[in-house]
Amino acid sequence: MPIYFTALFSYAFGFLLWNVDNIFCSQLRSIRALPPGQASGMLLECHAWWHIFAGFGTYMGILFS
């Protein structure tokens, strides 16, 4: 059962990050354009994190099945 909840949480968290990216896209782009943001810009790429967490959640869901 812990695998199921890990899959569910991972997918839901990725979905949350994707929605944050959709809602605050212009603000996140402006932050990434600043000099300190350029170095850590990948951390604010929420759409990419969506793919990572959704992929992991799907993998865990397959393991649970």
Protein backbone atom coordinates (compact mmCIF):
# COMPACT_ATOMS: atom_id res chain seq x y z
CA MET A 1 0.00 0.00 0.00
CA PRO A 2 2.86 2.50 0.58
CA ILE A 3 3.76 2.15 -3.10
CA TYR A 4 0.25 3.24 -4.06
CA PHE A 5 0.41 6.35 -1.89
CA THR A 6 3.88 7.18 -3.19
CA ALA A 7 2.56 6.94 -6.74
CA LEU A 8 -0.48 9.05 -5.93
CA PHE A 9 1.50 11.73 -4.08
CA SER A 10 4.19 11.92 -6.75
CA TYR A 11 1.71 12.32 -9.59
CA ALA A 12 -0.39 14.84 -7.64
CA PHE A 13 2.67 16.88 -6.68
CA GLY A 14 3.81 16.96 -10.30
CA PHE A 15 0.35 18.08 -11.36
CA LEU A 16 0.47 20.85 -8.75
CA LEU A 17 3.85 22.05 -10.04
CA TRP A 18 2.57 22.02 -13.62
CA ASN A 19 -0.40 24.19 -12.61
CA VAL A 20 1.89 26.58 -10.75
CA ASP A 21 3.93 26.87 -13.93
CA ASN A 22 0.80 27.57 -15.98
CA ILE A 23 -0.56 30.18 -13.58
CA PHE A 24 2.69 31.99 -12.76
CA CYS A 25 4.50 31.51 -16.07
CA SER A 26 5.42 35.16 -16.66
CA GLN A 27 6.62 35.68 -13.09
CA LEU A 28 8.76 32.53 -13.20
CA ARG A 29 10.28 33.59 -16.52
CA SER A 30 11.22 36.98 -15.11
CA ILE A 31 12.84 35.35 -12.07
CA ARG A 32 14.80 32.97 -14.31
CA ALA A 33 16.04 35.93 -16.34
CA LEU A 34 17.73 37.54 -13.33
CA PRO A 35 21.44 36.71 -12.80
CA PRO A 36 21.00 34.52 -9.72
CA GLY A 37 18.02 32.88 -11.42
CA GLN A 38 20.04 31.93 -14.46
CA ALA A 39 22.23 29.61 -12.41
CA SER A 40 19.29 27.95 -10.67
CA GLY A 41 16.79 28.35 -13.50
CA MET A 42 16.25 24.63 -13.89
CA LEU A 43 14.85 24.46 -10.37
CA LEU A 44 12.06 26.80 -11.44
CA GLU A 45 11.17 24.86 -14.58
CA CYS A 46 8.01 23.43 -13.08
CA HIS A 47 6.86 21.87 -16.35
CA ALA A 48 10.00 19.74 -16.42
CA TRP A 49 9.43 18.73 -12.81
CA TRP A 50 5.89 17.71 -13.79
CA HIS A 51 7.36 15.20 -16.24
CA ILE A 52 9.76 13.82 -13.64
CA PHE A 53 7.15 13.41 -10.90
CA ALA A 54 4.44 12.14 -13.25
CA GLY A 55 6.84 9.62 -14.73
CA PHE A 56 7.91 8.42 -11.30
CA GLY A 57 4.29 8.26 -10.15
CA THR A 58 3.33 6.24 -13.21
CA TYR A 59 6.26 3.88 -12.62
CA MET A 60 5.25 3.38 -9.01
CA GLY A 61 1.65 2.83 -10.07
CA ILE A 62 2.78 0.10 -12.46
CA LEU A 63 4.79 -1.51 -9.66
CA PHE A 64 1.73 -1.41 -7.43
CA SER A 65 -0.38 -3.09 -10.10
